[in-house]
């Protein structure tokens, strides 16, 4: 296994996490209708759930890159 795979997956996960954070930081005018309302000033929209899903995907990819890096380091020695 070569080192470029780990770097590629880690870079892809960084940009995925960044994209998820940007989606979560969008103002309320971009979010659309509320899916679930907690109270008049707090609600969950579809875009919030998409942002959370993208963050989870990026975190999983970062974890996978770490596991590949660990396997690669163990095989070197």
PDB file of N, CA and C in Angstrom:
ATOM      1  N   UNK A   1       0.845  -1.184   0.000  1.00  0.00           N
ATOM      2  CA  UNK A   1       0.000   0.000   0.000  1.00  0.00           C
ATOM      3  C   UNK A   1       0.883   1.238   0.000  1.00  0.00           C
ATOM      4  N   UNK A   2       0.537   2.181  -0.810  1.00  0.00           N
ATOM      5  CA  UNK A   2       1.364   3.379  -0.889  1.00  0.00           C
ATOM      6  C   UNK A   2       0.773   4.507  -0.052  1.00  0.00           C
ATOM      7  N   UNK A   3       1.592   5.485   0.216  1.00  0.00           N
ATOM      8  CA  UNK A   3       1.251   6.591   1.095  1.00  0.00           C
ATOM      9  C   UNK A   3       0.278   7.570   0.445  1.00  0.00           C
ATOM     10  N   UNK A   4       0.189   7.611  -0.866  1.00  0.00           N
ATOM     11  CA  UNK A   4      -0.677   8.582  -1.534  1.00  0.00           C
ATOM     12  C   UNK A   4      -2.148   8.329  -1.247  1.00  0.00           C
ATOM     13  N   UNK A   5      -2.540   7.080  -0.996  1.00  0.00           N
ATOM     14  CA  UNK A   5      -3.936   6.782  -0.672  1.00  0.00           C
ATOM     15  C   UNK A   5      -4.348   7.436   0.639  1.00  0.00           C
ATOM     16  N   UNK A   6      -3.472   7.347   1.613  1.00  0.00           N
ATOM     17  CA  UNK A   6      -3.761   7.943   2.919  1.00  0.00           C
ATOM     18  C   UNK A   6      -3.886   9.462   2.787  1.00  0.00           C
ATOM     19  N   UNK A   7      -2.972  10.066   2.060  1.00  0.00           N
ATOM     20  CA  UNK A   7      -3.006  11.520   1.876  1.00  0.00           C
ATOM     21  C   UNK A   7      -4.263  11.928   1.108  1.00  0.00           C
ATOM     22  N   UNK A   8      -4.625  11.171   0.097  1.00  0.00           N
ATOM     23  CA  UNK A   8      -5.827  11.476  -0.686  1.00  0.00           C
ATOM     24  C   UNK A   8      -7.086  11.381   0.171  1.00  0.00           C
ATOM     25  N   UNK A   9      -7.226  10.310   0.940  1.00  0.00           N
ATOM     26  CA  UNK A   9      -8.415  10.133   1.771  1.00  0.00           C
ATOM     27  C   UNK A   9      -8.466  11.193   2.867  1.00  0.00           C
ATOM     28  N   UNK A  10      -7.328  11.521   3.470  1.00  0.00           N
ATOM     29  CA  UNK A  10      -7.298  12.548   4.510  1.00  0.00           C
ATOM     30  C   UNK A  10      -7.663  13.917   3.940  1.00  0.00           C
ATOM     31  N   UNK A  11      -7.181  14.229   2.758  1.00  0.00           N
ATOM     32  CA  UNK A  11      -7.520  15.505   2.124  1.00  0.00           C
ATOM     33  C   UNK A  11      -8.996  15.554   1.754  1.00  0.00           C
ATOM     34  N   UNK A  12      -9.502  14.471   1.209  1.00  0.00           N
ATOM     35  CA  UNK A  12     -10.919  14.399   0.857  1.00  0.00           C
ATOM     36  C   UNK A  12     -11.797  14.525   2.101  1.00  0.00           C
ATOM     37  N   UNK A  13     -11.391  13.893   3.196  1.00  0.00           N
ATOM     38  CA  UNK A  13     -12.183  14.001   4.418  1.00  0.00           C
ATOM     39  C   UNK A  13     -12.139  15.415   4.981  1.00  0.00           C
ATOM     40  N   UNK A  14     -10.994  16.100   4.861  1.00  0.00           N
ATOM     41  CA  UNK A  14     -10.897  17.486   5.327  1.00  0.00           C
ATOM     42  C   UNK A  14     -11.893  18.372   4.584  1.00  0.00           C
ATOM     43  N   UNK A  15     -11.928  18.247   3.260  1.00  0.00           N
ATOM     44  CA  UNK A  15     -12.839  19.079   2.479  1.00  0.00           C
ATOM     45  C   UNK A  15     -14.301  18.680   2.694  1.00  0.00           C
ATOM     46  N   UNK A  16     -14.555  17.408   2.971  1.00  0.00           N
ATOM     47  CA  UNK A  16     -15.915  16.974   3.276  1.00  0.00           C
ATOM     48  C   UNK A  16     -16.382  17.567   4.598  1.00  0.00           C
ATOM     49  N   UNK A  17     -15.532  17.534   5.616  1.00  0.00           N
ATOM     50  CA  UNK A  17     -15.880  18.132   6.903  1.00  0.00           C
ATOM     51  C   UNK A  17     -16.064  19.633   6.755  1.00  0.00           C
ATOM     52  N   UNK A  18     -15.196  20.277   6.011  1.00  0.00           N
ATOM     53  CA  UNK A  18     -15.319  21.716   5.783  1.00  0.00           C
ATOM     54  C   UNK A  18     -16.629  22.054   5.078  1.00  0.00           C
ATOM     55  N   UNK A  19     -17.002  21.257   4.088  1.00  0.00           N
ATOM     56  CA  UNK A  19     -18.273  21.475   3.394  1.00  0.00           C
ATOM     57  C   UNK A  19     -19.466  21.290   4.321  1.00  0.00           C
ATOM     58  N   UNK A  20     -19.415  20.282   5.181  1.00  0.00           N
ATOM     59  CA  UNK A  20     -20.492  20.081   6.142  1.00  0.00           C
ATOM     60  C   UNK A  20     -20.619  21.243   7.108  1.00  0.00           C
ATOM     61  N   UNK A  21     -19.487  21.772   7.554  1.00  0.00           N
ATOM     62  CA  UNK A  21     -19.522  22.932   8.456  1.00  0.00           C
ATOM     63  C   UNK A  21     -20.059  24.166   7.751  1.00  0.00           C
ATOM     64  N   UNK A  22     -19.697  24.338   6.485  1.00  0.00           N
ATOM     65  CA  UNK A  22     -20.223  25.474   5.731  1.00  0.00           C
ATOM     66  C   UNK A  22     -21.733  25.372   5.532  1.00  0.00           C
ATOM     67  N   UNK A  23     -22.217  24.168   5.302  1.00  0.00           N
ATOM     68  CA  UNK A  23     -23.666  23.979   5.160  1.00  0.00           C
ATOM     69  C   UNK A  23     -24.365  24.315   6.471  1.00  0.00           C
ATOM     70  N   UNK A  24     -23.797  23.893   7.589  1.00  0.00           N
ATOM     71  CA  UNK A  24     -24.415  24.181   8.880  1.00  0.00           C
ATOM     72  C   UNK A  24     -24.362  25.670   9.223  1.00  0.00           C
ATOM     73  N   UNK A  25     -23.406  26.397   8.661  1.00  0.00           N
ATOM     74  CA  UNK A  25     -23.247  27.822   8.974  1.00  0.00           C
ATOM     75  C   UNK A  25     -24.072  28.734   8.066  1.00  0.00           C
ATOM     76  N   UNK A  26     -24.810  28.169   7.115  1.00  0.00           N
ATOM     77  CA  UNK A  26     -25.626  28.994   6.221  1.00  0.00           C
ATOM     78  C   UNK A  26     -26.694  29.741   7.012  1.00  0.00           C
ATOM     79  N   UNK A  27     -27.022  30.944   6.597  1.00  0.00           N
ATOM     80  CA  UNK A  27     -28.084  31.680   7.289  1.00  0.00           C
ATOM     81  C   UNK A  27     -29.449  31.018   7.082  1.00  0.00           C
ATOM     82  N   UNK A  28     -30.380  31.387   7.929  1.00  0.00           N
ATOM     83  CA  UNK A  28     -31.702  30.753   7.917  1.00  0.00           C
ATOM     84  C   UNK A  28     -32.442  30.949   6.595  1.00  0.00           C
ATOM     85  N   UNK A  29     -32.135  31.997   5.864  1.00  0.00           N
ATOM     86  CA  UNK A  29     -32.845  32.232   4.598  1.00  0.00           C
ATOM     87  C   UNK A  29     -32.522  31.175   3.544  1.00  0.00           C
ATOM     88  N   UNK A  30     -31.394  30.475   3.656  1.00  0.00           N
ATOM     89  CA  UNK A  30     -31.018  29.422   2.709  1.00  0.00           C
ATOM     90  C   UNK A  30     -31.505  28.038   3.135  1.00  0.00           C
ATOM     91  N   UNK A  31     -31.947  27.910   4.376  1.00  0.00           N
ATOM     92  CA  UNK A  31     -32.234  26.582   4.915  1.00  0.00           C
ATOM     93  C   UNK A  31     -33.556  25.994   4.462  1.00  0.00           C
ATOM     94  N   UNK A  32     -34.505  26.809   4.080  1.00  0.00           N
ATOM     95  CA  UNK A  32     -35.791  26.292   3.653  1.00  0.00           C
ATOM     96  C   UNK A  32     -36.731  26.086   4.828  1.00  0.00           C
ATOM     97  N   UNK A  33     -37.750  25.267   4.610  1.00  0.00           N
ATOM     98  CA  UNK A  33     -38.756  25.067   5.659  1.00  0.00           C
ATOM     99  C   UNK A  33     -38.217  24.166   6.765  1.00  0.00           C
ATOM    100  N   UNK A  34     -38.782  24.353   7.948  1.00  0.00           N
ATOM    101  CA  UNK A  34     -38.353  23.582   9.115  1.00  0.00           C
ATOM    102  C   UNK A  34     -38.989  22.197   9.081  1.00  0.00           C
ATOM    103  N   UNK A  35     -38.187  21.170   9.381  1.00  0.00           N
ATOM    104  CA  UNK A  35     -38.715  19.813   9.471  1.00  0.00           C
ATOM    105  C   UNK A  35     -39.232  19.514  10.873  1.00  0.00           C
ATOM    106  N   UNK A  36     -38.512  20.036  11.871  1.00  0.00           N
ATOM    107  CA  UNK A  36     -38.877  19.784  13.259  1.00  0.00           C
ATOM    108  C   UNK A  36     -38.635  21.062  14.051  1.00  0.00           C
ATOM    109  N   UNK A  37     -39.652  21.547  14.730  1.00  0.00           N
ATOM    110  CA  UNK A  37     -39.549  22.785  15.487  1.00  0.00           C
ATOM    111  C   UNK A  37     -39.502  22.473  16.974  1.00  0.00           C
ATOM    112  N   UNK A  38     -38.439  22.940  17.636  1.00  0.00           N
ATOM    113  CA  UNK A  38     -38.333  22.769  19.081  1.00  0.00           C
ATOM    114  C   UNK A  38     -39.139  23.838  19.810  1.00  0.00           C
ATOM    115  N   UNK A  39     -38.924  25.083  19.427  1.00  0.00           N
ATOM    116  CA  UNK A  39     -39.681  26.230  19.930  1.00  0.00           C
ATOM    117  C   UNK A  39     -39.635  27.295  18.843  1.00  0.00           C
ATOM    118  N   UNK A  40     -40.269  28.438  19.003  1.00  0.00           N
ATOM    119  CA  UNK A  40     -40.323  29.424  17.909  1.00  0.00           C
ATOM    120  C   UNK A  40     -38.955  29.906  17.404  1.00  0.00           C
ATOM    121  N   UNK A  41     -37.918  29.839  18.216  1.00  0.00           N
ATOM    122  CA  UNK A  41     -36.623  30.338  17.759  1.00  0.00           C
ATOM    123  C   UNK A  41     -35.622  29.229  17.401  1.00  0.00           C
ATOM    124  N   UNK A  42     -35.977  27.964  17.593  1.00  0.00           N
ATOM    125  CA  UNK A  42     -35.077  26.852  17.275  1.00  0.00           C
ATOM    126  C   UNK A  42     -35.823  25.791  16.477  1.00  0.00           C
ATOM    127  N   UNK A  43     -35.249  25.428  15.327  1.00  0.00           N
ATOM    128  CA  UNK A  43     -35.865  24.411  14.472  1.00  0.00           C
ATOM    129  C   UNK A  43     -34.780  23.698  13.674  1.00  0.00           C
ATOM    130  N   UNK A  44     -35.064  22.470  13.261  1.00  0.00           N
ATOM    131  CA  UNK A  44     -34.179  21.703  12.390  1.00  0.00           C
ATOM    132  C   UNK A  44     -34.739  21.743  10.975  1.00  0.00           C
ATOM    133  N   UNK A  45     -33.882  21.993  10.016  1.00  0.00           N
ATOM    134  CA  UNK A  45     -34.317  21.978   8.617  1.00  0.00           C
ATOM    135  C   UNK A  45     -33.621  20.827   7.896  1.00  0.00           C
ATOM    136  N   UNK A  46     -34.034  20.585   6.678  1.00  0.00           N
ATOM    137  CA  UNK A  46     -33.431  19.522   5.878  1.00  0.00           C
ATOM    138  C   UNK A  46     -31.949  19.799   5.635  1.00  0.00           C
ATOM    139  N   UNK A  47     -31.597  21.053   5.424  1.00  0.00           N
ATOM    140  CA  UNK A  47     -30.205  21.401   5.167  1.00  0.00           C
ATOM    141  C   UNK A  47     -29.326  21.146   6.396  1.00  0.00           C
ATOM    142  N   UNK A  48     -29.882  21.321   7.599  1.00  0.00           N
ATOM    143  CA  UNK A  48     -29.142  20.993   8.811  1.00  0.00           C
ATOM    144  C   UNK A  48     -28.834  19.500   8.873  1.00  0.00           C
ATOM    145  N   UNK A  49     -29.816  18.688   8.538  1.00  0.00           N
ATOM    146  CA  UNK A  49     -29.606  17.237   8.561  1.00  0.00           C
ATOM    147  C   UNK A  49     -28.616  16.798   7.486  1.00  0.00           C
ATOM    148  N   UNK A  50     -28.649  17.443   6.331  1.00  0.00           N
ATOM    149  CA  UNK A  50     -27.677  17.137   5.270  1.00  0.00           C
ATOM    150  C   UNK A  50     -26.269  17.515   5.735  1.00  0.00           C
ATOM    151  N   UNK A  51     -26.124  18.683   6.349  1.00  0.00           N
ATOM    152  CA  UNK A  51     -24.820  19.105   6.868  1.00  0.00           C
ATOM    153  C   UNK A  51     -24.286  18.155   7.921  1.00  0.00           C
ATOM    154  N   UNK A  52     -25.166  17.687   8.811  1.00  0.00           N
ATOM    155  CA  UNK A  52     -24.751  16.732   9.829  1.00  0.00           C
ATOM    156  C   UNK A  52     -24.326  15.409   9.206  1.00  0.00           C
ATOM    157  N   UNK A  53     -25.061  14.964   8.185  1.00  0.00           N
ATOM    158  CA  UNK A  53     -24.686  13.737   7.491  1.00  0.00           C
ATOM    159  C   UNK A  53     -23.341  13.850   6.794  1.00  0.00           C
ATOM    160  N   UNK A  54     -23.072  14.994   6.193  1.00  0.00           N
ATOM    161  CA  UNK A  54     -21.787  15.208   5.525  1.00  0.00           C
ATOM    162  C   UNK A  54     -20.660  15.252   6.551  1.00  0.00           C
ATOM    163  N   UNK A  55     -20.907  15.865   7.716  1.00  0.00           N
ATOM    164  CA  UNK A  55     -19.900  15.865   8.776  1.00  0.00           C
ATOM    165  C   UNK A  55     -19.593  14.447   9.251  1.00  0.00           C
ATOM    166  N   UNK A  56     -20.612  13.635   9.416  1.00  0.00           N
ATOM    167  CA  UNK A  56     -20.401  12.247   9.832  1.00  0.00           C
ATOM    168  C   UNK A  56     -19.632  11.456   8.770  1.00  0.00           C
ATOM    169  N   UNK A  57     -19.953  11.690   7.511  1.00  0.00           N
ATOM    170  CA  UNK A  57     -19.236  11.035   6.421  1.00  0.00           C
ATOM    171  C   UNK A  57     -17.759  11.438   6.423  1.00  0.00           C
ATOM    172  N   UNK A  58     -17.485  12.736   6.588  1.00  0.00           N
ATOM    173  CA  UNK A  58     -16.101  13.204   6.631  1.00  0.00           C
ATOM    174  C   UNK A  58     -15.349  12.656   7.828  1.00  0.00           C
ATOM    175  N   UNK A  59     -16.015  12.565   8.964  1.00  0.00           N
ATOM    176  CA  UNK A  59     -15.375  11.980  10.144  1.00  0.00           C
ATOM    177  C   UNK A  59     -15.043  10.513   9.946  1.00  0.00           C
ATOM    178  N   UNK A  60     -15.938   9.788   9.307  1.00  0.00           N
ATOM    179  CA  UNK A  60     -15.674   8.380   9.010  1.00  0.00           C
ATOM    180  C   UNK A  60     -14.523   8.203   8.030  1.00  0.00           C
ATOM    181  N   UNK A  61     -14.452   9.091   7.058  1.00  0.00           N
ATOM    182  CA  UNK A  61     -13.340   9.019   6.100  1.00  0.00           C
ATOM    183  C   UNK A  61     -12.013   9.353   6.786  1.00  0.00           C
ATOM    184  N   UNK A  62     -12.025  10.328   7.701  1.00  0.00           N
ATOM    185  CA  UNK A  62     -10.799  10.658   8.428  1.00  0.00           C
ATOM    186  C   UNK A  62     -10.365   9.492   9.309  1.00  0.00           C
ATOM    187  N   UNK A  63     -11.331   8.834   9.934  1.00  0.00           N
ATOM    188  CA  UNK A  63     -11.019   7.659  10.737  1.00  0.00           C
ATOM    189  C   UNK A  63     -10.417   6.551   9.861  1.00  0.00           C
ATOM    190  N   UNK A  64     -10.997   6.341   8.687  1.00  0.00           N
ATOM    191  CA  UNK A  64     -10.470   5.336   7.762  1.00  0.00           C
ATOM    192  C   UNK A  64      -9.060   5.668   7.292  1.00  0.00           C
ATOM    193  N   UNK A  65      -8.784   6.949   7.051  1.00  0.00           N
ATOM    194  CA  UNK A  65      -7.430   7.347   6.660  1.00  0.00           C
ATOM    195  C   UNK A  65      -6.454   7.072   7.791  1.00  0.00           C
ATOM    196  N   UNK A  66      -6.880   7.317   9.029  1.00  0.00           N
ATOM    197  CA  UNK A  66      -6.025   7.020  10.173  1.00  0.00           C
ATOM    198  C   UNK A  66      -5.743   5.532  10.310  1.00  0.00           C
ATOM    199  N   UNK A  67      -6.755   4.714  10.046  1.00  0.00           N
ATOM    200  CA  UNK A  67      -6.552   3.263  10.103  1.00  0.00           C
ATOM    201  C   UNK A  67      -5.605   2.792   8.995  1.00  0.00           C
ATOM    202  N   UNK A  68      -5.737   3.356   7.797  1.00  0.00           N
ATOM    203  CA  UNK A  68      -4.810   3.001   6.718  1.00  0.00           C
ATOM    204  C   UNK A  68      -3.385   3.427   7.053  1.00  0.00           C
ATOM    205  N   UNK A  69      -3.244   4.613   7.637  1.00  0.00           N
ATOM    206  CA  UNK A  69      -1.921   5.095   8.027  1.00  0.00           C
ATOM    207  C   UNK A  69      -1.310   4.179   9.077  1.00  0.00           C
ATOM    208  N   UNK A  70      -2.109   3.760  10.056  1.00  0.00           N
ATOM    209  CA  UNK A  70      -1.605   2.868  11.093  1.00  0.00           C
ATOM    210  C   UNK A  70      -1.180   1.522  10.501  1.00  0.00           C
ATOM    211  N   UNK A  71      -1.985   0.988   9.592  1.00  0.00           N
ATOM    212  CA  UNK A  71      -1.632  -0.291   8.942  1.00  0.00           C
ATOM    213  C   UNK A  71      -0.345  -0.141   8.129  1.00  0.00           C
ATOM    214  N   UNK A  72      -0.220   0.985   7.427  1.00  0.00           N
ATOM    215  CA  UNK A  72       0.969   1.212   6.616  1.00  0.00           C
ATOM    216  C   UNK A  72       2.221   1.322   7.491  1.00  0.00           C
ATOM    217  N   UNK A  73       2.098   2.019   8.615  1.00  0.00           N
ATOM    218  CA  UNK A  73       3.244   2.158   9.528  1.00  0.00           C
ATOM    219  C   UNK A  73       3.621   0.823  10.166  1.00  0.00           C
ATOM    220  N   UNK A  74       2.633  -0.003  10.500  1.00  0.00           N
ATOM    221  CA  UNK A  74       2.913  -1.314  11.091  1.00  0.00           C
ATOM    222  C   UNK A  74       3.580  -2.253  10.090  1.00  0.00           C
ATOM    223  N   UNK A  75       3.236  -2.142   8.840  1.00  0.00           N
ATOM    224  CA  UNK A  75       3.837  -3.005   7.806  1.00  0.00           C
ATOM    225  C   UNK A  75       5.247  -2.588   7.446  1.00  0.00           C
ATOM    226  N   UNK A  76       5.602  -1.336   7.722  1.00  0.00           N
ATOM    227  CA  UNK A  76       6.956  -0.866   7.422  1.00  0.00           C
ATOM    228  C   UNK A  76       7.990  -1.473   8.362  1.00  0.00           C
ATOM    229  N   UNK A  77       7.578  -1.707   9.599  1.00  0.00           N
ATOM    230  CA  UNK A  77       8.540  -2.125  10.624  1.00  0.00           C
ATOM    231  C   UNK A  77       8.669  -3.576  10.853  1.00  0.00           C
TER     232      UNK A  77
END
